[in-house]
Structures are given as C-alpha cells and as structure tokens.
Amino acid sequence: MRSVLFATAALLVTGVANAETVAELNEKELNAIDANNDGFLSRDEFNAFSDYAFQEMDEDKNGTLGLDEAKPFLDIKQFQDVDRNGDSFISRGEYDAQMADDFDAADKNENGQLD
C-alpha cells in the first residue's frame, strides 16, 4: 500500500493530476485516496493524501524534501520545477503550491472535485 501511495504522489506532483479525468489513475491508487469511496477526489481528500505523502517522503522529518528523498519519485527536471526558489530543496510550501496547482489544473469544471 505504501508504494502505491508514493507512486500516486509522484504522479500527481509531476503532472498526472493534469490528466483529463481521475480515471486515468490506477483504480487501486484512486481507492487509496478516495476516503469516502464516492469515485471522486474532493479537494479535502486530495489535500489529506498530499499531506500524508509529503510526510512519508520526508524521511529525515526536517520539513523539506532533498533530492535524495525525492529521487525515487521525481527526476531532476521535475524536482527543479517543484523547487520554485532553486535552493535544492522542496519546501512544504513549494510542494503544497505544486499540488494545489495540479488539483486546480485537473478540476476542469471547477467543482472542487476530480471526477
């Protein structure tokens, strides 16, 4: 289960959340995130998953993701894109901003859920 969640976090942070529908995510991944099992991802479910994924990836629990922590999930270009200030760390703020951008981009009808 943990590897499925990590894979999903990496996919979301790297742009799969921009997919036209959440159905493009593996059903197992969707079920792991869709807490109320309604077949949709609300912003709250997405944010809860995003929070969990960041905490799990932050192995040293210092509030940032270094390249070594992110390497299993992001290539260097993806890492640099999320590292908006270029300090070689992904801060919680940078991660949250990317996840929010990804959610907004995927929420085509702006109803606050991914369907």
PDB file of N, CA and C in Angstrom:
ATOM      1  N   MET A   1       0.831  -1.194   0.000  1.00  0.00           N
ATOM      2  CA  MET A   1       0.000   0.000   0.000  1.00  0.00           C
ATOM      3  C   MET A   1       0.871   1.252   0.000  1.00  0.00           C
ATOM      4  N   ARG A   2       1.940   1.246   0.780  1.00  0.00           N
ATOM      5  CA  ARG A   2       2.797   2.414   0.866  1.00  0.00           C
ATOM      6  C   ARG A   2       3.403   2.750  -0.495  1.00  0.00           C
ATOM      7  N   SER A   3       3.843   1.737  -1.253  1.00  0.00           N
ATOM      8  CA  SER A   3       4.429   2.009  -2.565  1.00  0.00           C
ATOM      9  C   SER A   3       3.388   2.561  -3.524  1.00  0.00           C
ATOM     10  N   VAL A   4       2.155   2.112  -3.426  1.00  0.00           N
ATOM     11  CA  VAL A   4       1.084   2.648  -4.268  1.00  0.00           C
ATOM     12  C   VAL A   4       0.869   4.123  -3.951  1.00  0.00           C
ATOM     13  N   LEU A   5       0.865   4.473  -2.685  1.00  0.00           N
ATOM     14  CA  LEU A   5       0.666   5.870  -2.301  1.00  0.00           C
ATOM     15  C   LEU A   5       1.815   6.744  -2.765  1.00  0.00           C
ATOM     16  N   PHE A   6       3.044   6.247  -2.618  1.00  0.00           N
ATOM     17  CA  PHE A   6       4.193   7.021  -3.077  1.00  0.00           C
ATOM     18  C   PHE A   6       4.147   7.222  -4.580  1.00  0.00           C
ATOM     19  N   ALA A   7       3.817   6.165  -5.295  1.00  0.00           N
ATOM     20  CA  ALA A   7       3.730   6.265  -6.751  1.00  0.00           C
ATOM     21  C   ALA A   7       2.670   7.281  -7.149  1.00  0.00           C
ATOM     22  N   THR A   8       1.565   7.272  -6.463  1.00  0.00           N
ATOM     23  CA  THR A   8       0.492   8.214  -6.754  1.00  0.00           C
ATOM     24  C   THR A   8       0.941   9.640  -6.463  1.00  0.00           C
ATOM     25  N   ALA A   9       1.624   9.844  -5.351  1.00  0.00           N
ATOM     26  CA  ALA A   9       2.120  11.182  -5.019  1.00  0.00           C
ATOM     27  C   ALA A   9       3.054  11.688  -6.094  1.00  0.00           C
ATOM     28  N   ALA A  10       3.946  10.834  -6.533  1.00  0.00           N
ATOM     29  CA  ALA A  10       4.888  11.231  -7.572  1.00  0.00           C
ATOM     30  C   ALA A  10       4.161  11.568  -8.865  1.00  0.00           C
ATOM     31  N   LEU A  11       3.178  10.761  -9.222  1.00  0.00           N
ATOM     32  CA  LEU A  11       2.425  11.020 -10.438  1.00  0.00           C
ATOM     33  C   LEU A  11       1.680  12.339 -10.344  1.00  0.00           C
ATOM     34  N   LEU A  12       1.079  12.606  -9.209  1.00  0.00           N
ATOM     35  CA  LEU A  12       0.324  13.837  -9.046  1.00  0.00           C
ATOM     36  C   LEU A  12       1.226  15.051  -9.077  1.00  0.00           C
ATOM     37  N   VAL A  13       2.324  14.985  -8.381  1.00  0.00           N
ATOM     38  CA  VAL A  13       3.216  16.134  -8.302  1.00  0.00           C
ATOM     39  C   VAL A  13       3.901  16.409  -9.640  1.00  0.00           C
ATOM     40  N   THR A  14       3.994  15.394 -10.482  1.00  0.00           N
ATOM     41  CA  THR A  14       4.668  15.576 -11.763  1.00  0.00           C
ATOM     42  C   THR A  14       3.716  15.784 -12.913  1.00  0.00           C
ATOM     43  N   GLY A  15       2.451  15.979 -12.627  1.00  0.00           N
ATOM     44  CA  GLY A  15       1.553  16.397 -13.666  1.00  0.00           C
ATOM     45  C   GLY A  15       0.462  15.438 -14.071  1.00  0.00           C
ATOM     46  N   VAL A  16       0.420  14.225 -13.551  1.00  0.00           N
ATOM     47  CA  VAL A  16      -0.670  13.338 -13.910  1.00  0.00           C
ATOM     48  C   VAL A  16      -1.983  13.905 -13.403  1.00  0.00           C
ATOM     49  N   ALA A  17      -1.938  14.742 -12.389  1.00  0.00           N
ATOM     50  CA  ALA A  17      -3.177  15.368 -11.924  1.00  0.00           C
ATOM     51  C   ALA A  17      -3.760  16.259 -13.014  1.00  0.00           C
ATOM     52  N   ASN A  18      -2.968  16.570 -14.007  1.00  0.00           N
ATOM     53  CA  ASN A  18      -3.480  17.333 -15.132  1.00  0.00           C
ATOM     54  C   ASN A  18      -4.211  16.451 -16.126  1.00  0.00           C
ATOM     55  N   ALA A  19      -4.260  15.162 -15.854  1.00  0.00           N
ATOM     56  CA  ALA A  19      -4.985  14.249 -16.728  1.00  0.00           C
ATOM     57  C   ALA A  19      -6.438  14.680 -16.807  1.00  0.00           C
ATOM     58  N   GLU A  20      -7.076  14.351 -17.900  1.00  0.00           N
ATOM     59  CA  GLU A  20      -8.450  14.803 -18.096  1.00  0.00           C
ATOM     60  C   GLU A  20      -9.387  14.281 -17.019  1.00  0.00           C
ATOM     61  N   THR A  21      -9.189  13.061 -16.574  1.00  0.00           N
ATOM     62  CA  THR A  21     -10.033  12.516 -15.521  1.00  0.00           C
ATOM     63  C   THR A  21      -9.185  11.745 -14.532  1.00  0.00           C
ATOM     64  N   VAL A  22      -9.714  11.616 -13.345  1.00  0.00           N
ATOM     65  CA  VAL A  22      -9.041  10.815 -12.330  1.00  0.00           C
ATOM     66  C   VAL A  22      -9.023   9.356 -12.742  1.00  0.00           C
ATOM     67  N   ALA A  23      -9.914   8.958 -13.631  1.00  0.00           N
ATOM     68  CA  ALA A  23      -9.967   7.567 -14.084  1.00  0.00           C
ATOM     69  C   ALA A  23      -8.652   7.128 -14.702  1.00  0.00           C
ATOM     70  N   GLU A  24      -7.822   8.075 -15.124  1.00  0.00           N
ATOM     71  CA  GLU A  24      -6.529   7.721 -15.681  1.00  0.00           C
ATOM     72  C   GLU A  24      -5.573   7.220 -14.601  1.00  0.00           C
ATOM     73  N   LEU A  25      -5.877   7.468 -13.361  1.00  0.00           N
ATOM     74  CA  LEU A  25      -5.103   6.881 -12.280  1.00  0.00           C
ATOM     75  C   LEU A  25      -5.535   5.429 -12.116  1.00  0.00           C
ATOM     76  N   ASN A  26      -4.631   4.608 -11.714  1.00  0.00           N
ATOM     77  CA  ASN A  26      -4.936   3.212 -11.457  1.00  0.00           C
ATOM     78  C   ASN A  26      -6.054   3.124 -10.418  1.00  0.00           C
ATOM     79  N   GLU A  27      -6.987   2.195 -10.601  1.00  0.00           N
ATOM     80  CA  GLU A  27      -8.122   2.067  -9.682  1.00  0.00           C
ATOM     81  C   GLU A  27      -7.661   1.847  -8.244  1.00  0.00           C
ATOM     82  N   LYS A  28      -6.620   1.073  -8.041  1.00  0.00           N
ATOM     83  CA  LYS A  28      -6.089   0.826  -6.695  1.00  0.00           C
ATOM     84  C   LYS A  28      -5.594   2.128  -6.076  1.00  0.00           C
ATOM     85  N   GLU A  29      -4.939   2.964  -6.890  1.00  0.00           N
ATOM     86  CA  GLU A  29      -4.442   4.244  -6.401  1.00  0.00           C
ATOM     87  C   GLU A  29      -5.606   5.159  -6.025  1.00  0.00           C
ATOM     88  N   LEU A  30      -6.598   5.219  -6.897  1.00  0.00           N
ATOM     89  CA  LEU A  30      -7.763   6.049  -6.618  1.00  0.00           C
ATOM     90  C   LEU A  30      -8.447   5.613  -5.328  1.00  0.00           C
ATOM     91  N   ASN A  31      -8.635   4.314  -5.163  1.00  0.00           N
ATOM     92  CA  ASN A  31      -9.294   3.805  -3.958  1.00  0.00           C
ATOM     93  C   ASN A  31      -8.509   4.131  -2.697  1.00  0.00           C
ATOM     94  N   ALA A  32      -7.202   4.183  -2.809  1.00  0.00           N
ATOM     95  CA  ALA A  32      -6.370   4.518  -1.653  1.00  0.00           C
ATOM     96  C   ALA A  32      -6.534   5.980  -1.231  1.00  0.00           C
ATOM     97  N   ILE A  33      -6.907   6.830  -2.162  1.00  0.00           N
ATOM     98  CA  ILE A  33      -7.033   8.263  -1.886  1.00  0.00           C
ATOM     99  C   ILE A  33      -8.479   8.666  -1.599  1.00  0.00           C
ATOM    100  N   ASP A  34      -9.420   8.017  -2.265  1.00  0.00           N
ATOM    101  CA  ASP A  34     -10.843   8.359  -2.177  1.00  0.00           C
ATOM    102  C   ASP A  34     -11.417   7.853  -0.846  1.00  0.00           C
ATOM    103  N   ALA A  35     -11.257   8.643   0.192  1.00  0.00           N
ATOM    104  CA  ALA A  35     -11.598   8.223   1.555  1.00  0.00           C
ATOM    105  C   ALA A  35     -13.065   7.837   1.715  1.00  0.00           C
ATOM    106  N   ASN A  36     -13.968   8.540   1.053  1.00  0.00           N
ATOM    107  CA  ASN A  36     -15.387   8.226   1.221  1.00  0.00           C
ATOM    108  C   ASN A  36     -15.925   7.309   0.119  1.00  0.00           C
ATOM    109  N   ASN A  37     -15.040   6.819  -0.728  1.00  0.00           N
ATOM    110  CA  ASN A  37     -15.377   5.839  -1.775  1.00  0.00           C
ATOM    111  C   ASN A  37     -16.536   6.274  -2.674  1.00  0.00           C
ATOM    112  N   ASP A  38     -16.563   7.567  -3.021  1.00  0.00           N
ATOM    113  CA  ASP A  38     -17.632   8.026  -3.911  1.00  0.00           C
ATOM    114  C   ASP A  38     -17.200   8.088  -5.380  1.00  0.00           C
ATOM    115  N   GLY A  39     -15.955   7.707  -5.645  1.00  0.00           N
ATOM    116  CA  GLY A  39     -15.463   7.714  -7.016  1.00  0.00           C
ATOM    117  C   GLY A  39     -14.919   9.046  -7.470  1.00  0.00           C
ATOM    118  N   PHE A  40     -14.888  10.017  -6.586  1.00  0.00           N
ATOM    119  CA  PHE A  40     -14.372  11.350  -6.882  1.00  0.00           C
ATOM    120  C   PHE A  40     -13.305  11.699  -5.852  1.00  0.00           C
ATOM    121  N   LEU A  41     -12.424  12.601  -6.220  1.00  0.00           N
ATOM    122  CA  LEU A  41     -11.462  13.122  -5.245  1.00  0.00           C
ATOM    123  C   LEU A  41     -11.839  14.560  -4.938  1.00  0.00           C
ATOM    124  N   SER A  42     -12.259  14.797  -3.705  1.00  0.00           N
ATOM    125  CA  SER A  42     -12.536  16.163  -3.282  1.00  0.00           C
ATOM    126  C   SER A  42     -11.206  16.846  -2.991  1.00  0.00           C
ATOM    127  N   ARG A  43     -11.251  18.143  -2.908  1.00  0.00           N
ATOM    128  CA  ARG A  43     -10.031  18.883  -2.566  1.00  0.00           C
ATOM    129  C   ARG A  43      -9.525  18.434  -1.188  1.00  0.00           C
ATOM    130  N   ASP A  44     -10.450  18.187  -0.253  1.00  0.00           N
ATOM    131  CA  ASP A  44     -10.046  17.744   1.086  1.00  0.00           C
ATOM    132  C   ASP A  44      -9.345  16.387   1.033  1.00  0.00           C
ATOM    133  N   GLU A  45      -9.883  15.447   0.249  1.00  0.00           N
ATOM    134  CA  GLU A  45      -9.244  14.130   0.121  1.00  0.00           C
ATOM    135  C   GLU A  45      -7.874  14.264  -0.537  1.00  0.00           C
ATOM    136  N   PHE A  46      -7.805  15.082  -1.572  1.00  0.00           N
ATOM    137  CA  PHE A  46      -6.554  15.321  -2.267  1.00  0.00           C
ATOM    138  C   PHE A  46      -5.526  15.934  -1.323  1.00  0.00           C
ATOM    139  N   ASN A  47      -5.955  16.925  -0.539  1.00  0.00           N
ATOM    140  CA  ASN A  47      -5.042  17.585   0.398  1.00  0.00           C
ATOM    141  C   ASN A  47      -4.596  16.639   1.510  1.00  0.00           C
ATOM    142  N   ALA A  48      -5.503  15.812   2.003  1.00  0.00           N
ATOM    143  CA  ALA A  48      -5.135  14.844   3.046  1.00  0.00           C
ATOM    144  C   ALA A  48      -4.111  13.853   2.510  1.00  0.00           C
ATOM    145  N   PHE A  49      -4.341  13.374   1.296  1.00  0.00           N
ATOM    146  CA  PHE A  49      -3.386  12.461   0.687  1.00  0.00           C
ATOM    147  C   PHE A  49      -2.053  13.160   0.462  1.00  0.00           C
ATOM    148  N   SER A  50      -2.099  14.381  -0.039  1.00  0.00           N
ATOM    149  CA  SER A  50      -0.888  15.155  -0.308  1.00  0.00           C
ATOM    150  C   SER A  50      -0.075  15.340   0.972  1.00  0.00           C
ATOM    151  N   ASP A  51      -0.764  15.651   2.068  1.00  0.00           N
ATOM    152  CA  ASP A  51      -0.105  15.822   3.365  1.00  0.00           C
ATOM    153  C   ASP A  51       0.576  14.521   3.802  1.00  0.00           C
ATOM    154  N   TYR A  52      -0.161  13.426   3.709  1.00  0.00           N
ATOM    155  CA  TYR A  52       0.390  12.124   4.078  1.00  0.00           C
ATOM    156  C   TYR A  52       1.617  11.787   3.223  1.00  0.00           C
ATOM    157  N   ALA A  53       1.501  11.990   1.916  1.00  0.00           N
ATOM    158  CA  ALA A  53       2.596  11.647   1.007  1.00  0.00           C
ATOM    159  C   ALA A  53       3.845  12.466   1.325  1.00  0.00           C
ATOM    160  N   PHE A  54       3.676  13.759   1.582  1.00  0.00           N
ATOM    161  CA  PHE A  54       4.851  14.583   1.907  1.00  0.00           C
ATOM    162  C   PHE A  54       5.518  14.085   3.180  1.00  0.00           C
ATOM    163  N   GLN A  55       4.722  13.834   4.194  1.00  0.00           N
ATOM    164  CA  GLN A  55       5.293  13.373   5.465  1.00  0.00           C
ATOM    165  C   GLN A  55       6.044  12.048   5.299  1.00  0.00           C
ATOM    166  N   GLU A  56       5.513  11.163   4.483  1.00  0.00           N
ATOM    167  CA  GLU A  56       6.173   9.881   4.257  1.00  0.00           C
ATOM    168  C   GLU A  56       7.449  10.036   3.438  1.00  0.00           C
ATOM    169  N   MET A  57       7.453  10.923   2.467  1.00  0.00           N
ATOM    170  CA  MET A  57       8.649  11.132   1.648  1.00  0.00           C
ATOM    171  C   MET A  57       9.741  11.854   2.427  1.00  0.00           C
ATOM    172  N   ASP A  58       9.350  12.685   3.384  1.00  0.00           N
ATOM    173  CA  ASP A  58      10.312  13.460   4.185  1.00  0.00           C
ATOM    174  C   ASP A  58      10.941  12.545   5.232  1.00  0.00           C
ATOM    175  N   GLU A  59      11.875  11.723   4.787  1.00  0.00           N
ATOM    176  CA  GLU A  59      12.466  10.693   5.641  1.00  0.00           C
ATOM    177  C   GLU A  59      13.151  11.246   6.879  1.00  0.00           C
ATOM    178  N   ASP A  60      13.836  12.373   6.754  1.00  0.00           N
ATOM    179  CA  ASP A  60      14.549  12.918   7.908  1.00  0.00           C
ATOM    180  C   ASP A  60      13.683  13.869   8.738  1.00  0.00           C
ATOM    181  N   LYS A  61      12.449  14.038   8.326  1.00  0.00           N
ATOM    182  CA  LYS A  61      11.447  14.829   9.070  1.00  0.00           C
ATOM    183  C   LYS A  61      11.909  16.260   9.343  1.00  0.00           C
ATOM    184  N   ASN A  62      12.587  16.858   8.347  1.00  0.00           N
ATOM    185  CA  ASN A  62      13.045  18.233   8.529  1.00  0.00           C
ATOM    186  C   ASN A  62      12.148  19.256   7.827  1.00  0.00           C
ATOM    187  N   GLY A  63      11.045  18.797   7.254  1.00  0.00           N
ATOM    188  CA  GLY A  63      10.096  19.711   6.627  1.00  0.00           C
ATOM    189  C   GLY A  63      10.414  20.069   5.189  1.00  0.00           C
ATOM    190  N   THR A  64      11.453  19.463   4.629  1.00  0.00           N
ATOM    191  CA  THR A  64      11.799  19.676   3.230  1.00  0.00           C
ATOM    192  C   THR A  64      12.124  18.332   2.589  1.00  0.00           C
ATOM    193  N   LEU A  65      12.056  18.317   1.270  1.00  0.00           N
ATOM    194  CA  LEU A  65      12.470  17.136   0.523  1.00  0.00           C
ATOM    195  C   LEU A  65      13.744  17.464  -0.227  1.00  0.00           C
ATOM    196  N   GLY A  66      14.812  16.780   0.133  1.00  0.00           N
ATOM    197  CA  GLY A  66      16.057  16.907  -0.617  1.00  0.00           C
ATOM    198  C   GLY A  66      15.988  16.038  -1.853  1.00  0.00           C
ATOM    199  N   LEU A  67      16.953  16.201  -2.726  1.00  0.00           N
ATOM    200  CA  LEU A  67      16.976  15.434  -3.958  1.00  0.00           C
ATOM    201  C   LEU A  67      17.010  13.935  -3.680  1.00  0.00           C
ATOM    202  N   ASP A  68      17.777  13.509  -2.678  1.00  0.00           N
ATOM    203  CA  ASP A  68      17.843  12.081  -2.369  1.00  0.00           C
ATOM    204  C   ASP A  68      16.491  11.527  -1.925  1.00  0.00           C
ATOM    205  N   GLU A  69      15.736  12.310  -1.161  1.00  0.00           N
ATOM    206  CA  GLU A  69      14.410  11.864  -0.729  1.00  0.00           C
ATOM    207  C   GLU A  69      13.428  11.815  -1.901  1.00  0.00           C
ATOM    208  N   ALA A  70      13.560  12.756  -2.805  1.00  0.00           N
ATOM    209  CA  ALA A  70      12.626  12.855  -3.928  1.00  0.00           C
ATOM    210  C   ALA A  70      13.023  11.971  -5.110  1.00  0.00           C
ATOM    211  N   LYS A  71      14.286  11.587  -5.162  1.00  0.00           N
ATOM    212  CA  LYS A  71      14.803  10.850  -6.315  1.00  0.00           C
ATOM    213  C   LYS A  71      13.996   9.608  -6.690  1.00  0.00           C
ATOM    214  N   PRO A  72      13.475   8.840  -5.738  1.00  0.00           N
ATOM    215  CA  PRO A  72      12.680   7.681  -6.159  1.00  0.00           C
ATOM    216  C   PRO A  72      11.378   8.057  -6.875  1.00  0.00           C
ATOM    217  N   PHE A  73      10.973   9.317  -6.793  1.00  0.00           N
ATOM    218  CA  PHE A  73       9.670   9.728  -7.307  1.00  0.00           C
ATOM    219  C   PHE A  73       9.748  10.774  -8.408  1.00  0.00           C
ATOM    220  N   LEU A  74      10.798  11.577  -8.408  1.00  0.00           N
ATOM    221  CA  LEU A  74      10.928  12.678  -9.358  1.00  0.00           C
ATOM    222  C   LEU A  74      12.283  12.619 -10.048  1.00  0.00           C
ATOM    223  N   ASP A  75      12.306  12.925 -11.345  1.00  0.00           N
ATOM    224  CA  ASP A  75      13.600  13.075 -11.992  1.00  0.00           C
ATOM    225  C   ASP A  75      14.108  14.493 -11.699  1.00  0.00           C
ATOM    226  N   ILE A  76      15.306  14.798 -12.103  1.00  0.00           N
ATOM    227  CA  ILE A  76      15.916  16.081 -11.739  1.00  0.00           C
ATOM    228  C   ILE A  76      15.121  17.264 -12.292  1.00  0.00           C
ATOM    229  N   LYS A  77      14.605  17.163 -13.497  1.00  0.00           N
ATOM    230  CA  LYS A  77      13.823  18.260 -14.084  1.00  0.00           C
ATOM    231  C   LYS A  77      12.538  18.487 -13.290  1.00  0.00           C
ATOM    232  N   GLN A  78      11.857  17.415 -12.937  1.00  0.00           N
ATOM    233  CA  GLN A  78      10.637  17.532 -12.144  1.00  0.00           C
ATOM    234  C   GLN A  78      10.948  18.134 -10.781  1.00  0.00           C
ATOM    235  N   PHE A  79      12.042  17.687 -10.167  1.00  0.00           N
ATOM    236  CA  PHE A  79      12.459  18.225  -8.874  1.00  0.00           C
ATOM    237  C   PHE A  79      12.676  19.732  -8.989  1.00  0.00           C
ATOM    238  N   GLN A  80      13.401  20.145 -10.021  1.00  0.00           N
ATOM    239  CA  GLN A  80      13.700  21.564 -10.202  1.00  0.00           C
ATOM    240  C   GLN A  80      12.436  22.384 -10.451  1.00  0.00           C
ATOM    241  N   ASP A  81      11.476  21.806 -11.148  1.00  0.00           N
ATOM    242  CA  ASP A  81      10.223  22.521 -11.388  1.00  0.00           C
ATOM    243  C   ASP A  81       9.455  22.765 -10.092  1.00  0.00           C
ATOM    244  N   VAL A  82       9.456  21.797  -9.192  1.00  0.00           N
ATOM    245  CA  VAL A  82       8.746  21.955  -7.920  1.00  0.00           C
ATOM    246  C   VAL A  82       9.537  22.854  -6.967  1.00  0.00           C
ATOM    247  N   ASP A  83      10.862  22.807  -7.043  1.00  0.00           N
ATOM    248  CA  ASP A  83      11.749  23.640  -6.222  1.00  0.00           C
ATOM    249  C   ASP A  83      11.753  25.061  -6.790  1.00  0.00           C
ATOM    250  N   ARG A  84      10.709  25.795  -6.514  1.00  0.00           N
ATOM    251  CA  ARG A  84      10.469  27.088  -7.159  1.00  0.00           C
ATOM    252  C   ARG A  84      11.512  28.152  -6.832  1.00  0.00           C
ATOM    253  N   ASN A  85      12.146  28.065  -5.670  1.00  0.00           N
ATOM    254  CA  ASN A  85      13.145  29.081  -5.335  1.00  0.00           C
ATOM    255  C   ASN A  85      14.566  28.626  -5.656  1.00  0.00           C
ATOM    256  N   GLY A  86      14.718  27.423  -6.177  1.00  0.00           N
ATOM    257  CA  GLY A  86      16.019  26.945  -6.638  1.00  0.00           C
ATOM    258  C   GLY A  86      17.042  26.701  -5.553  1.00  0.00           C
ATOM    259  N   ASP A  87      16.598  26.397  -4.326  1.00  0.00           N
ATOM    260  CA  ASP A  87      17.554  26.190  -3.231  1.00  0.00           C
ATOM    261  C   ASP A  87      17.944  24.718  -3.045  1.00  0.00           C
ATOM    262  N   SER A  88      17.559  23.871  -3.983  1.00  0.00           N
ATOM    263  CA  SER A  88      17.867  22.433  -3.978  1.00  0.00           C
ATOM    264  C   SER A  88      17.098  21.650  -2.919  1.00  0.00           C
ATOM    265  N   PHE A  89      16.034  22.216  -2.425  1.00  0.00           N
ATOM    266  CA  PHE A  89      15.119  21.539  -1.512  1.00  0.00           C
ATOM    267  C   PHE A  89      13.698  21.881  -1.928  1.00  0.00           C
ATOM    268  N   ILE A  90      12.806  20.931  -1.751  1.00  0.00           N
ATOM    269  CA  ILE A  90      11.390  21.216  -1.941  1.00  0.00           C
ATOM    270  C   ILE A  90      10.809  21.449  -0.558  1.00  0.00           C
ATOM    271  N   SER A  91      10.457  22.694  -0.294  1.00  0.00           N
ATOM    272  CA  SER A  91       9.861  23.032   1.000  1.00  0.00           C
ATOM    273  C   SER A  91       8.411  22.565   1.009  1.00  0.00           C
ATOM    274  N   ARG A  92       7.847  22.524   2.178  1.00  0.00           N
ATOM    275  CA  ARG A  92       6.436  22.149   2.289  1.00  0.00           C
ATOM    276  C   ARG A  92       5.570  23.126   1.505  1.00  0.00           C
ATOM    277  N   GLY A  93       5.913  24.401   1.551  1.00  0.00           N
ATOM    278  CA  GLY A  93       5.166  25.402   0.803  1.00  0.00           C
ATOM    279  C   GLY A  93       5.241  25.185  -0.699  1.00  0.00           C
ATOM    280  N   GLU A  94       6.422  24.858  -1.196  1.00  0.00           N
ATOM    281  CA  GLU A  94       6.584  24.603  -2.628  1.00  0.00           C
ATOM    282  C   GLU A  94       5.797  23.363  -3.046  1.00  0.00           C
ATOM    283  N   TYR A  95       5.877  22.329  -2.229  1.00  0.00           N
ATOM    284  CA  TYR A  95       5.136  21.093  -2.503  1.00  0.00           C
ATOM    285  C   TYR A  95       3.639  21.356  -2.506  1.00  0.00           C
ATOM    286  N   ASP A  96       3.155  22.049  -1.478  1.00  0.00           N
ATOM    287  CA  ASP A  96       1.723  22.354  -1.391  1.00  0.00           C
ATOM    288  C   ASP A  96       1.264  23.208  -2.570  1.00  0.00           C
ATOM    289  N   ALA A  97       2.087  24.178  -2.967  1.00  0.00           N
ATOM    290  CA  ALA A  97       1.738  25.030  -4.105  1.00  0.00           C
ATOM    291  C   ALA A  97       1.631  24.205  -5.385  1.00  0.00           C
ATOM    292  N   GLN A  98       2.565  23.272  -5.583  1.00  0.00           N
ATOM    293  CA  GLN A  98       2.518  22.424  -6.769  1.00  0.00           C
ATOM    294  C   GLN A  98       1.286  21.533  -6.757  1.00  0.00           C
ATOM    295  N   MET A  99       1.002  20.946  -5.608  1.00  0.00           N
ATOM    296  CA  MET A  99      -0.164  20.073  -5.506  1.00  0.00           C
ATOM    297  C   MET A  99      -1.454  20.869  -5.740  1.00  0.00           C
ATOM    298  N   ALA A 100      -1.530  22.084  -5.212  1.00  0.00           N
ATOM    299  CA  ALA A 100      -2.713  22.928  -5.430  1.00  0.00           C
ATOM    300  C   ALA A 100      -2.845  23.287  -6.907  1.00  0.00           C
ATOM    301  N   ASP A 101      -1.734  23.620  -7.549  1.00  0.00           N
ATOM    302  CA  ASP A 101      -1.758  23.916  -8.982  1.00  0.00           C
ATOM    303  C   ASP A 101      -2.232  22.705  -9.778  1.00  0.00           C
ATOM    304  N   ASP A 102      -1.727  21.528  -9.388  1.00  0.00           N
ATOM    305  CA  ASP A 102      -2.118  20.302 -10.085  1.00  0.00           C
ATOM    306  C   ASP A 102      -3.610  20.030  -9.909  1.00  0.00           C
ATOM    307  N   PHE A 103      -4.108  20.206  -8.693  1.00  0.00           N
ATOM    308  CA  PHE A 103      -5.539  19.985  -8.461  1.00  0.00           C
ATOM    309  C   PHE A 103      -6.358  20.959  -9.298  1.00  0.00           C
ATOM    310  N   ASP A 104      -5.994  22.235  -9.252  1.00  0.00           N
ATOM    311  CA  ASP A 104      -6.739  23.246  -9.998  1.00  0.00           C
ATOM    312  C   ASP A 104      -6.725  22.963 -11.499  1.00  0.00           C
ATOM    313  N   ALA A 105      -5.595  22.528 -12.014  1.00  0.00           N
ATOM    314  CA  ALA A 105      -5.493  22.227 -13.439  1.00  0.00           C
ATOM    315  C   ALA A 105      -6.357  21.024 -13.814  1.00  0.00           C
ATOM    316  N   ALA A 106      -6.452  20.069 -12.916  1.00  0.00           N
ATOM    317  CA  ALA A 106      -7.232  18.863 -13.195  1.00  0.00           C
ATOM    318  C   ALA A 106      -8.732  19.078 -12.978  1.00  0.00           C
ATOM    319  N   ASP A 107      -9.093  20.055 -12.188  1.00  0.00           N
ATOM    320  CA  ASP A 107     -10.503  20.335 -11.884  1.00  0.00           C
ATOM    321  C   ASP A 107     -11.085  21.185 -13.015  1.00  0.00           C
ATOM    322  N   LYS A 108     -11.278  20.562 -14.154  1.00  0.00           N
ATOM    323  CA  LYS A 108     -11.685  21.256 -15.380  1.00  0.00           C
ATOM    324  C   LYS A 108     -13.005  22.009 -15.234  1.00  0.00           C
ATOM    325  N   ASN A 109     -13.942  21.449 -14.518  1.00  0.00           N
ATOM    326  CA  ASN A 109     -15.232  22.122 -14.378  1.00  0.00           C
ATOM    327  C   ASN A 109     -15.323  22.960 -13.107  1.00  0.00           C
ATOM    328  N   GLU A 110     -14.220  23.072 -12.386  1.00  0.00           N
ATOM    329  CA  GLU A 110     -14.107  23.934 -11.204  1.00  0.00           C
ATOM    330  C   GLU A 110     -15.182  23.649 -10.162  1.00  0.00           C
ATOM    331  N   ASN A 111     -15.483  22.356  -9.960  1.00  0.00           N
ATOM    332  CA  ASN A 111     -16.485  21.993  -8.960  1.00  0.00           C
ATOM    333  C   ASN A 111     -15.854  21.545  -7.640  1.00  0.00           C
ATOM    334  N   GLY A 112     -14.536  21.650  -7.519  1.00  0.00           N
ATOM    335  CA  GLY A 112     -13.875  21.299  -6.270  1.00  0.00           C
ATOM    336  C   GLY A 112     -13.644  19.821  -6.078  1.00  0.00           C
ATOM    337  N   GLN A 113     -13.814  19.057  -7.135  1.00  0.00           N
ATOM    338  CA  GLN A 113     -13.539  17.615  -7.053  1.00  0.00           C
ATOM    339  C   GLN A 113     -13.035  17.146  -8.410  1.00  0.00           C
ATOM    340  N   LEU A 114     -12.264  16.086  -8.349  1.00  0.00           N
ATOM    341  CA  LEU A 114     -11.757  15.481  -9.574  1.00  0.00           C
ATOM    342  C   LEU A 114     -12.628  14.287  -9.881  1.00  0.00           C
ATOM    343  N   ASP A 115     -13.187  14.271 -11.056  1.00  0.00           N
ATOM    344  CA  ASP A 115     -14.079  13.181 -11.427  1.00  0.00           C
ATOM    345  C   ASP A 115     -13.684  12.550 -12.738  1.00  0.00           C
TER     346      ASP A 115
END
